[in-house]
Amino acid sequence: MSPVTEQWGEVLRTHLALGEEGSPVLAAAAFSAEAGFFAAAGRGGEDAWPYFRTGASAAGSGVGTPGGEGDRADDIEALCTVCEEAVHSRGLRIAGTLWQRESRELVSDVVTGSELELALLREGGRVMWVVRAGQGICTFVLVDGDSEAHITEARSLALDFDSFLAGQGY
């Protein structure tokens, strides 16, 4: 898979309602075991890369270089494992922040019948959903705030997006 970052950024924005006022999603990113983080989108055009990548590898270029300077502070091995199994129970270091897994569940996609793996990560008052679709693709969805309504709505959007990915063959 060789994704084009701009196209994937637009797909993230569209499917996760990042252009809408009051969206429960603050930022989102797509990750593959093969390419690392390859697309990110923030609400209202905000630069989402700082939420998901550390250092200069994310700045400006839109794509970090695997093994580059920015990857050293991130737990890339654990991130790759996200795409193979569950989020590590010890948590993940993403953009210098340690996120702890709060819950994990398997959800059956109603359209394709494939299993989607869903994990809720927490860091202080921040919440992030991680959904693993097939073929080593994960979506990271940072919730705007920690209200139950936003967490639930962001979960639905994340699952809808990954259902879309599964329908596209990812």
Protein backbone atom coordinates (compact mmCIF):
# COMPACT_ATOMS: atom_id res chain seq x y z
CA MET A 1 0.00 0.00 0.00
CA SER A 2 1.32 3.40 -0.93
CA PRO A 3 -1.16 5.97 0.42
CA VAL A 4 -1.13 9.57 -0.71
CA THR A 5 -1.15 11.64 2.47
CA GLU A 6 -3.32 14.49 1.18
CA GLN A 7 -6.02 12.13 -0.04
CA TRP A 8 -6.01 10.18 3.20
CA GLY A 9 -6.09 13.41 5.21
CA GLU A 10 -9.20 14.45 3.32
CA VAL A 11 -10.78 11.02 3.85
CA LEU A 12 -10.10 11.34 7.60
CA ARG A 13 -11.57 14.87 7.69
CA THR A 14 -14.68 13.86 5.79
CA HIS A 15 -15.50 10.63 7.60
CA LEU A 16 -14.70 11.91 11.09
CA ALA A 17 -16.65 15.18 10.72
CA LEU A 18 -13.52 17.24 11.40
CA GLY A 19 -14.84 20.12 9.31
CA GLU A 20 -18.01 20.45 11.36
CA GLU A 21 -18.39 22.81 14.27
CA GLY A 22 -18.83 20.91 17.52
CA SER A 23 -17.24 17.73 16.19
CA PRO A 24 -16.42 15.30 19.01
CA VAL A 25 -13.11 14.55 17.29
CA LEU A 26 -10.16 16.90 17.81
CA ALA A 27 -7.72 15.09 15.53
CA ALA A 28 -7.24 11.75 13.81
CA ALA A 29 -4.44 9.80 12.18
CA ALA A 30 -4.04 6.73 10.02
CA PHE A 31 -1.23 4.29 10.80
CA SER A 32 0.03 1.21 9.04
CA ALA A 33 2.59 -1.32 10.19
CA GLU A 34 4.27 -0.82 6.82
CA ALA A 35 4.40 2.99 6.65
CA GLY A 36 3.96 4.23 10.23
CA PHE A 37 1.74 7.29 10.60
CA PHE A 38 0.96 8.33 7.06
CA ALA A 39 -1.91 10.78 7.38
CA ALA A 40 -3.29 13.10 10.02
CA ALA A 41 -6.13 15.60 10.09
CA GLY A 42 -7.22 18.10 12.70
CA ARG A 43 -10.51 19.83 13.29
CA GLY A 44 -10.92 23.08 11.41
CA GLY A 45 -7.70 22.58 9.46
CA GLU A 46 -5.56 22.42 12.62
CA ASP A 47 -2.20 20.70 12.18
CA ALA A 48 -2.80 17.27 13.73
CA TRP A 49 0.75 15.94 13.38
CA PRO A 50 1.93 17.11 16.84
CA TYR A 51 -0.67 14.84 18.45
CA PHE A 52 0.72 11.75 16.72
CA ARG A 53 4.37 12.32 15.76
CA THR A 54 7.31 13.65 17.69
CA GLY A 55 9.84 16.12 16.34
CA ALA A 56 10.74 17.51 12.95
CA SER A 57 9.88 14.37 10.98
CA ALA A 58 6.23 15.36 11.23
CA ALA A 59 6.60 19.09 10.75
CA GLY A 60 6.12 20.56 7.34
CA SER A 61 6.48 17.43 5.27
CA GLY A 62 3.21 15.83 6.31
CA VAL A 63 4.93 12.45 6.46
CA GLY A 64 7.48 11.23 8.96
CA THR A 65 10.31 9.07 7.81
CA PRO A 66 10.31 5.65 9.45
CA GLY A 67 13.35 5.32 11.67
CA GLY A 68 13.85 9.09 11.56
CA GLU A 69 14.62 11.34 14.49
CA GLY A 70 10.94 11.78 15.38
CA ASP A 71 10.39 8.04 15.80
CA ARG A 72 12.86 7.63 18.67
CA ALA A 73 10.54 9.08 21.32
CA ASP A 74 7.52 7.12 20.06
CA ASP A 75 6.91 3.49 20.83
CA ILE A 76 6.90 2.43 17.17
CA GLU A 77 7.31 -1.26 17.98
CA ALA A 78 4.20 -1.11 20.18
CA LEU A 79 2.36 0.92 17.54
CA CYS A 80 3.13 -1.73 14.94
CA THR A 81 1.84 -4.34 17.36
CA VAL A 82 -1.43 -2.41 17.56
CA CYS A 83 -1.96 -3.39 13.97
CA GLU A 84 -1.27 -7.05 14.71
CA GLU A 85 -3.10 -7.60 17.98
CA ALA A 86 -4.33 -5.53 20.92
CA VAL A 87 -2.98 -2.27 22.22
CA HIS A 88 -0.26 -3.17 24.72
CA SER A 89 -1.65 -3.32 28.23
CA ARG A 90 1.38 -1.30 29.33
CA GLY A 91 0.23 1.51 27.05
CA LEU A 92 1.70 3.31 24.09
CA ARG A 93 4.00 6.29 23.81
CA ILE A 94 2.61 8.51 21.07
CA ALA A 95 4.25 11.88 20.36
CA GLY A 96 6.04 11.72 23.70
CA THR A 97 2.85 11.02 25.69
CA LEU A 98 2.18 7.72 27.45
CA TRP A 99 -1.38 6.56 26.77
CA GLN A 100 -2.81 3.78 28.97
CA ARG A 101 -5.29 1.26 27.63
CA GLU A 102 -8.57 1.50 29.48
CA SER A 103 -10.63 -1.00 27.51
CA ARG A 104 -10.51 -3.29 24.50
CA GLU A 105 -13.25 -4.98 22.51
CA LEU A 106 -13.85 -6.78 19.24
CA VAL A 107 -16.66 -5.44 17.08
CA SER A 108 -18.06 -7.22 14.06
CA ASP A 109 -18.47 -4.93 11.04
CA VAL A 110 -22.09 -5.25 9.88
CA VAL A 111 -21.24 -4.59 6.22
CA THR A 112 -18.22 -6.85 5.67
CA GLY A 113 -18.49 -9.22 8.63
CA SER A 114 -14.83 -8.58 9.46
CA GLU A 115 -13.67 -8.09 13.04
CA LEU A 116 -12.61 -4.59 14.07
CA GLU A 117 -10.51 -4.24 17.20
CA LEU A 118 -11.31 -1.20 19.32
CA ALA A 119 -9.29 0.13 22.24
CA LEU A 120 -9.88 3.15 24.45
CA LEU A 121 -6.69 4.91 25.56
CA ARG A 122 -6.47 7.55 28.27
CA GLU A 123 -3.84 10.08 29.28
CA GLY A 124 -4.97 12.25 32.16
CA GLY A 125 -8.15 13.99 30.97
CA ARG A 126 -7.59 13.09 27.30
CA VAL A 127 -9.17 10.14 25.50
CA MET A 128 -8.23 8.44 22.24
CA TRP A 129 -9.88 5.59 20.33
CA VAL A 130 -7.73 3.18 18.35
CA VAL A 131 -9.46 0.98 15.81
CA ARG A 132 -7.66 -1.76 13.93
CA ALA A 133 -9.11 -2.69 10.58
CA GLY A 134 -7.59 -5.48 8.51
CA GLN A 135 -4.18 -5.65 6.85
CA GLY A 136 -2.21 -3.72 9.47
CA ILE A 137 -4.19 -0.46 9.33
CA CYS A 138 -5.14 1.43 12.49
CA THR A 139 -7.00 4.66 13.01
CA PHE A 140 -6.26 6.88 16.00
CA VAL A 141 -9.10 9.25 16.94
CA LEU A 142 -8.40 11.90 19.59
CA VAL A 143 -11.61 12.92 21.38
CA ASP A 144 -12.30 16.60 22.06
CA GLY A 145 -12.52 16.62 25.84
CA ASP A 146 -13.60 13.75 28.03
CA SER A 147 -17.38 14.12 28.17
CA GLU A 148 -19.21 10.80 27.80
CA ALA A 149 -21.26 12.19 24.91
CA HIS A 150 -18.12 13.12 22.94
CA ILE A 151 -16.43 9.81 23.77
CA THR A 152 -19.47 7.84 22.57
CA GLU A 153 -19.93 9.91 19.41
CA ALA A 154 -16.22 9.73 18.54
CA ARG A 155 -16.37 5.93 19.04
CA SER A 156 -19.23 5.71 16.53
CA LEU A 157 -17.38 7.87 14.01
CA ALA A 158 -14.19 5.83 14.43
CA LEU A 159 -16.05 2.54 13.91
CA ASP A 160 -17.90 3.96 10.88
CA PHE A 161 -14.59 5.06 9.38
CA ASP A 162 -12.97 1.68 9.93
CA SER A 163 -16.04 -0.02 8.52
CA PHE A 164 -15.50 2.16 5.44
CA LEU A 165 -11.84 1.03 5.32
CA ALA A 166 -12.85 -2.62 5.63
CA GLY A 167 -15.32 -2.09 2.78
CA GLN A 168 -12.50 -0.64 0.68
CA GLY A 169 -10.40 -3.76 1.25
CA TYR A 170 -8.07 -2.49 3.99
